[in-house]
Amino acid sequence: MQTQWFKTSEAARLCGVSSYWLKGNRDISGGFLVVDKHWIPGITPTSPIRWNVALVLEAMRYHGMNRIKGDQLLEAVQ
């Protein structure tokens, strides 16, 4: 199956997050969304960033589950 890449506004809508959240979670901003895997930059500075929504959602699930597990561990030691 061919990978689908979406502009930021559409990817944000499909992921249920804001465009600001997506951009803020790129690896170049200290986040967990990796260039060439989760997102690709545009050719020019004004070209749209493209997002692999399926992989972004997978990363969100992974990091969300890690947060839940961490919360459970903290609760267990308190």
C-alpha atoms as a PDB file:
ATOM      1  CA  MET A   1       0.000   0.000   0.000  1.00  0.00           C
ATOM      2  CA  GLN A   2       1.263   3.464  -0.874  1.00  0.00           C
ATOM      3  CA  THR A   3       1.906   5.915   1.974  1.00  0.00           C
ATOM      4  CA  GLN A   4      -0.421   8.910   2.064  1.00  0.00           C
ATOM      5  CA  TRP A   5       0.999  12.288   3.032  1.00  0.00           C
ATOM      6  CA  PHE A   6      -1.335  15.073   4.174  1.00  0.00           C
ATOM      7  CA  LYS A   7      -0.866  18.819   4.592  1.00  0.00           C
ATOM      8  CA  THR A   8      -0.637  20.006   8.200  1.00  0.00           C
ATOM      9  CA  SER A   9      -4.223  21.267   8.488  1.00  0.00           C
ATOM     10  CA  GLU A  10      -5.713  18.018   7.174  1.00  0.00           C
ATOM     11  CA  ALA A  11      -3.345  15.839   9.220  1.00  0.00           C
ATOM     12  CA  ALA A  12      -4.227  17.772  12.375  1.00  0.00           C
ATOM     13  CA  ARG A  13      -7.942  17.277  11.725  1.00  0.00           C
ATOM     14  CA  LEU A  14      -7.487  13.548  11.076  1.00  0.00           C
ATOM     15  CA  CYS A  15      -5.382  13.127  14.238  1.00  0.00           C
ATOM     16  CA  GLY A  16      -7.685  15.218  16.413  1.00  0.00           C
ATOM     17  CA  VAL A  17      -4.969  17.692  17.397  1.00  0.00           C
ATOM     18  CA  SER A  18      -4.017  21.226  16.416  1.00  0.00           C
ATOM     19  CA  SER A  19      -1.565  22.190  13.696  1.00  0.00           C
ATOM     20  CA  TYR A  20       0.461  23.868  16.449  1.00  0.00           C
ATOM     21  CA  TRP A  21       0.630  20.560  18.371  1.00  0.00           C
ATOM     22  CA  LEU A  22       1.866  18.658  15.299  1.00  0.00           C
ATOM     23  CA  LYS A  23       4.561  21.195  14.498  1.00  0.00           C
ATOM     24  CA  GLY A  24       5.600  21.438  18.146  1.00  0.00           C
ATOM     25  CA  ASN A  25       6.123  17.676  18.390  1.00  0.00           C
ATOM     26  CA  ARG A  26       8.524  17.410  15.438  1.00  0.00           C
ATOM     27  CA  ASP A  27      12.005  16.161  16.293  1.00  0.00           C
ATOM     28  CA  ILE A  28      13.499  19.531  15.322  1.00  0.00           C
ATOM     29  CA  SER A  29      11.346  21.080  18.079  1.00  0.00           C
ATOM     30  CA  GLY A  30      12.335  18.475  20.679  1.00  0.00           C
ATOM     31  CA  GLY A  31       9.378  16.203  19.988  1.00  0.00           C
ATOM     32  CA  PHE A  32       8.938  12.571  19.025  1.00  0.00           C
ATOM     33  CA  LEU A  33       7.730  12.940  15.416  1.00  0.00           C
ATOM     34  CA  VAL A  34      10.700  12.103  13.190  1.00  0.00           C
ATOM     35  CA  VAL A  35      11.512  13.712   9.843  1.00  0.00           C
ATOM     36  CA  ASP A  36      11.177  11.351   6.843  1.00  0.00           C
ATOM     37  CA  LYS A  37       9.090   8.963   8.954  1.00  0.00           C
ATOM     38  CA  HIS A  38       6.233  10.998  10.433  1.00  0.00           C
ATOM     39  CA  TRP A  39       6.675  14.224   8.465  1.00  0.00           C
ATOM     40  CA  ILE A  40       8.535  15.658   5.503  1.00  0.00           C
ATOM     41  CA  PRO A  41       9.429  19.305   4.959  1.00  0.00           C
ATOM     42  CA  GLY A  42       8.368  21.230   1.909  1.00  0.00           C
ATOM     43  CA  ILE A  43      10.763  22.009  -0.916  1.00  0.00           C
ATOM     44  CA  THR A  44      10.647  25.751  -0.229  1.00  0.00           C
ATOM     45  CA  PRO A  45      10.189  27.641   3.066  1.00  0.00           C
ATOM     46  CA  THR A  46       6.554  28.332   2.152  1.00  0.00           C
ATOM     47  CA  SER A  47       5.737  24.794   0.975  1.00  0.00           C
ATOM     48  CA  PRO A  48       3.468  22.819   3.312  1.00  0.00           C
ATOM     49  CA  ILE A  49       4.828  20.200   5.674  1.00  0.00           C
ATOM     50  CA  ARG A  50       3.398  16.759   4.827  1.00  0.00           C
ATOM     51  CA  TRP A  51       2.421  14.190   7.454  1.00  0.00           C
ATOM     52  CA  ASN A  52       2.063  10.412   7.469  1.00  0.00           C
ATOM     53  CA  VAL A  53      -1.125  10.306   9.557  1.00  0.00           C
ATOM     54  CA  ALA A  54      -1.058   6.536  10.132  1.00  0.00           C
ATOM     55  CA  LEU A  55       2.440   6.698  11.650  1.00  0.00           C
ATOM     56  CA  VAL A  56       1.663   9.871  13.619  1.00  0.00           C
ATOM     57  CA  LEU A  57      -1.341   8.133  15.212  1.00  0.00           C
ATOM     58  CA  GLU A  58       0.824   5.091  15.982  1.00  0.00           C
ATOM     59  CA  ALA A  59       3.411   7.320  17.696  1.00  0.00           C
ATOM     60  CA  MET A  60       0.680   9.111  19.650  1.00  0.00           C
ATOM     61  CA  ARG A  61      -0.670   5.758  20.876  1.00  0.00           C
ATOM     62  CA  TYR A  62       2.802   4.569  21.861  1.00  0.00           C
ATOM     63  CA  HIS A  63       3.649   7.711  23.825  1.00  0.00           C
ATOM     64  CA  GLY A  64       0.172   7.838  25.338  1.00  0.00           C
ATOM     65  CA  MET A  65       0.512   4.279  26.625  1.00  0.00           C
ATOM     66  CA  ASN A  66       3.943   5.091  28.088  1.00  0.00           C
ATOM     67  CA  ARG A  67       2.398   8.035  29.934  1.00  0.00           C
ATOM     68  CA  ILE A  68      -0.379   5.817  31.317  1.00  0.00           C
ATOM     69  CA  LYS A  69       2.133   3.176  32.446  1.00  0.00           C
ATOM     70  CA  GLY A  70       4.246   5.870  34.094  1.00  0.00           C
ATOM     71  CA  ASP A  71       1.197   7.255  35.905  1.00  0.00           C
ATOM     72  CA  GLN A  72       0.352   3.757  37.146  1.00  0.00           C
ATOM     73  CA  LEU A  73       3.893   3.211  38.442  1.00  0.00           C
ATOM     74  CA  LEU A  74       3.858   6.539  40.264  1.00  0.00           C
ATOM     75  CA  GLU A  75       0.518   5.729  41.823  1.00  0.00           C
ATOM     76  CA  ALA A  76       1.800   2.324  42.970  1.00  0.00           C
ATOM     77  CA  VAL A  77       4.792   3.810  44.833  1.00  0.00           C
ATOM     78  CA  GLN A  78       2.878   6.612  46.550  1.00  0.00           C
END
